[in-house]
Amino acid sequence: MSLMLPSARLPTAAVVLALAAACAKAPPRTTPAPPPAPPLAALSLASLARLAEVPPAVPVSMLVAEPEPKEVPPPPAAAPARPVPAEPPERPPARLGTPETADVEATTKRVNAMLERAREFLSTVRPEGLSADARVQYQTARHLIEQADEAIKVRNFMYAIRLADKAETLARRLAGG
């Protein structure tokens, strides 16, 4: 026997009823499926003949539309011959750039100056006296300098600037500056 007070049973009953109502589902509102067609083996020859005689619901001509013949307009009257314009001279491909790289000479000088400073910093470093991590940074700086030189050759100035800046920063740190 439970010692619950009647007032305490009321909220419990309300929760149980709410849960029961939430779990209840209404039956789906769909139309029943048509009965399955009998297998072809069960059909008699007479019923197959009747199926063959039934006209289709949609005429075959509507299923496959034949293109209507297009009328070709007659050729225009002989027009005076126009001179064929000569092809325009081939232009060099447009270079994409930013305001930083608009002046090719100035950008090249800027990158070369950064690379020269990086080389100077690296020349003061003795790789034999470096730790393993510092040696990796030394090799990375040398590699960045080579990549920046290649980027200048192919006129990829934005990439060259980024590489030269990284190389200079690494070399400066290795040199203790």
Protein backbone atom coordinates (compact mmCIF):
# COMPACT_ATOMS: atom_id res chain seq x y z
CA MET A 1 0.00 0.00 0.00
CA SER A 2 1.34 3.38 -0.95
CA LEU A 3 1.56 6.15 1.59
CA MET A 4 1.24 8.94 -0.97
CA LEU A 5 -1.18 11.70 -0.25
CA PRO A 6 -4.01 12.23 -2.76
CA SER A 7 -2.63 15.64 -3.69
CA ALA A 8 0.74 14.06 -4.56
CA ARG A 9 -0.91 11.46 -6.80
CA LEU A 10 -2.53 14.11 -8.98
CA PRO A 11 0.69 15.44 -10.61
CA THR A 12 1.95 11.90 -11.10
CA ALA A 13 -1.28 10.89 -12.82
CA ALA A 14 -1.13 14.01 -15.01
CA VAL A 15 2.39 13.17 -16.15
CA VAL A 16 1.45 9.56 -16.91
CA LEU A 17 -1.59 10.68 -18.93
CA ALA A 18 0.45 13.27 -20.84
CA LEU A 19 3.04 10.67 -21.74
CA ALA A 20 0.41 8.20 -22.85
CA ALA A 21 -1.26 10.83 -25.03
CA ALA A 22 2.08 11.78 -26.61
CA CYS A 23 2.84 8.18 -27.49
CA ALA A 24 -0.53 7.56 -29.09
CA LYS A 25 -0.50 7.90 -32.86
CA ALA A 26 -3.33 8.62 -35.20
CA PRO A 27 -3.67 6.08 -38.00
CA PRO A 28 -2.06 7.26 -41.24
CA ARG A 29 -4.41 8.89 -43.70
CA THR A 30 -3.52 7.17 -46.93
CA THR A 31 -5.57 5.47 -49.55
CA PRO A 32 -5.31 1.72 -49.52
CA ALA A 33 -3.00 0.23 -52.12
CA PRO A 34 -4.68 -1.39 -55.13
CA PRO A 35 -4.69 -5.15 -55.09
CA PRO A 36 -1.58 -6.64 -56.69
CA ALA A 37 -1.87 -7.68 -60.32
CA PRO A 38 -1.99 -11.41 -60.87
CA PRO A 39 1.22 -12.91 -62.21
CA LEU A 40 1.35 -13.33 -65.98
CA ALA A 41 1.50 -17.09 -65.64
CA ALA A 42 -1.93 -17.07 -63.92
CA LEU A 43 -3.58 -15.12 -66.75
CA SER A 44 -5.38 -17.12 -69.34
CA LEU A 45 -4.85 -16.70 -73.05
CA ALA A 46 -8.27 -15.05 -73.35
CA SER A 47 -7.47 -12.41 -70.72
CA LEU A 48 -4.11 -11.73 -72.38
CA ALA A 49 -5.86 -11.23 -75.70
CA ARG A 50 -8.31 -8.77 -74.06
CA LEU A 51 -5.35 -6.82 -72.58
CA ALA A 52 -3.79 -6.57 -76.03
CA GLU A 53 -7.03 -5.17 -77.47
CA VAL A 54 -7.43 -2.42 -74.86
CA PRO A 55 -6.36 0.93 -76.32
CA PRO A 56 -3.69 2.77 -74.33
CA ALA A 57 -4.81 5.61 -72.08
CA VAL A 58 -2.51 8.06 -73.85
CA PRO A 59 -2.21 7.99 -77.65
CA VAL A 60 1.19 6.87 -78.85
CA SER A 61 1.49 10.01 -80.98
CA MET A 62 1.51 12.09 -77.78
CA LEU A 63 4.27 9.99 -76.26
CA VAL A 64 6.67 10.46 -79.15
CA ALA A 65 6.41 13.91 -80.61
CA GLU A 66 7.82 14.26 -84.06
CA PRO A 67 9.63 17.52 -84.66
CA GLU A 68 7.75 19.86 -86.88
CA PRO A 69 9.64 20.70 -90.04
CA LYS A 70 11.10 24.17 -89.78
CA GLU A 71 10.82 26.45 -92.69
CA VAL A 72 14.16 27.68 -93.83
CA PRO A 73 14.01 31.35 -94.75
CA PRO A 74 15.23 32.11 -98.24
CA PRO A 75 18.78 33.46 -98.42
CA PRO A 76 18.95 37.25 -98.31
CA ALA A 77 19.52 39.17 -101.46
CA ALA A 78 23.10 39.51 -102.47
CA ALA A 79 24.62 42.04 -100.11
CA PRO A 80 27.65 44.05 -101.08
CA ALA A 81 30.80 42.24 -100.08
CA ARG A 82 32.33 43.65 -96.91
CA PRO A 83 36.06 43.54 -96.46
CA VAL A 84 37.08 40.99 -93.88
CA PRO A 85 38.89 42.78 -91.05
CA ALA A 86 42.36 41.54 -90.38
CA GLU A 87 42.77 39.71 -87.09
CA PRO A 88 44.00 41.99 -84.35
CA PRO A 89 47.63 41.49 -83.38
CA GLU A 90 48.12 39.01 -80.59
CA ARG A 91 48.48 40.75 -77.25
CA PRO A 92 50.69 39.44 -74.51
CA PRO A 93 48.67 37.92 -71.68
CA ALA A 94 47.55 40.42 -69.10
CA ARG A 95 49.50 40.26 -65.88
CA LEU A 96 47.56 40.21 -62.69
CA GLY A 97 49.06 42.16 -59.90
CA THR A 98 48.41 44.15 -56.80
CA PRO A 99 49.43 47.67 -55.94
CA GLU A 100 52.43 46.17 -54.14
CA THR A 101 53.64 44.44 -57.31
CA ALA A 102 52.54 46.96 -59.95
CA ASP A 103 56.09 48.28 -60.45
CA VAL A 104 58.06 45.22 -61.51
CA GLU A 105 61.49 46.80 -61.10
CA ALA A 106 60.79 48.21 -57.64
CA THR A 107 59.27 44.93 -56.47
CA THR A 108 62.22 42.92 -57.79
CA LYS A 109 64.66 45.28 -56.03
CA ARG A 110 62.66 45.02 -52.80
CA VAL A 111 62.64 41.21 -52.86
CA ASN A 112 66.33 41.02 -53.78
CA ALA A 113 67.20 43.35 -50.88
CA MET A 114 65.26 41.12 -48.48
CA LEU A 115 67.03 38.04 -49.84
CA GLU A 116 70.44 39.69 -49.56
CA ARG A 117 69.80 40.57 -45.90
CA ALA A 118 68.72 36.96 -45.27
CA ARG A 119 71.91 35.67 -46.91
CA GLU A 120 74.00 38.04 -44.79
CA PHE A 121 72.33 36.85 -41.59
CA LEU A 122 72.86 33.21 -42.57
CA SER A 123 76.52 33.85 -43.41
CA THR A 124 77.14 34.76 -39.76
CA VAL A 125 75.68 31.46 -38.52
CA ARG A 126 77.81 28.34 -38.11
CA PRO A 127 75.49 25.36 -38.84
CA GLU A 128 77.83 22.93 -37.04
CA GLY A 129 77.26 24.66 -33.71
CA LEU A 130 73.45 24.62 -33.97
CA SER A 131 71.02 22.29 -32.25
CA ALA A 132 68.96 19.90 -34.36
CA ASP A 133 65.96 22.26 -34.39
CA ALA A 134 68.08 25.27 -35.25
CA ARG A 135 69.76 23.29 -38.05
CA VAL A 136 66.32 22.53 -39.51
CA GLN A 137 65.48 26.25 -39.37
CA TYR A 138 68.80 27.05 -41.07
CA GLN A 139 68.02 24.63 -43.92
CA THR A 140 64.47 26.01 -44.15
CA ALA A 141 65.78 29.57 -44.50
CA ARG A 142 68.18 28.51 -47.28
CA HIS A 143 65.33 26.68 -49.04
CA LEU A 144 63.04 29.73 -48.76
CA ILE A 145 65.74 31.89 -50.35
CA GLU A 146 66.01 29.47 -53.30
CA GLN A 147 62.22 29.38 -53.70
CA ALA A 148 62.01 33.18 -53.64
CA ASP A 149 64.66 33.37 -56.38
CA GLU A 150 62.59 30.96 -58.51
CA ALA A 151 59.41 32.96 -57.83
CA ILE A 152 61.11 36.12 -59.11
CA LYS A 153 62.19 34.29 -62.28
CA VAL A 154 58.59 33.28 -63.05
CA ARG A 155 57.37 36.76 -62.04
CA ASN A 156 55.28 35.57 -59.11
CA PHE A 157 56.07 38.61 -57.01
CA MET A 158 53.53 38.16 -54.23
CA TYR A 159 54.88 34.69 -53.51
CA ALA A 160 58.46 35.94 -53.76
CA ILE A 161 57.75 38.69 -51.22
CA ARG A 162 56.23 36.22 -48.76
CA LEU A 163 59.11 33.75 -49.13
CA ALA A 164 61.80 36.42 -48.83
CA ASP A 165 60.15 37.86 -45.72
CA LYS A 166 60.02 34.44 -44.06
CA ALA A 167 63.61 33.67 -45.02
CA GLU A 168 64.81 36.99 -43.63
CA THR A 169 62.90 36.50 -40.37
CA LEU A 170 64.29 32.99 -39.85
CA ALA A 171 67.83 34.05 -40.70
CA ARG A 172 67.67 37.07 -38.35
CA ARG A 173 66.52 34.84 -35.46
CA LEU A 174 69.26 32.30 -36.15
CA ALA A 175 71.88 35.06 -36.21
CA GLY A 176 70.67 36.22 -32.81
CA GLY A 177 69.21 39.48 -34.03
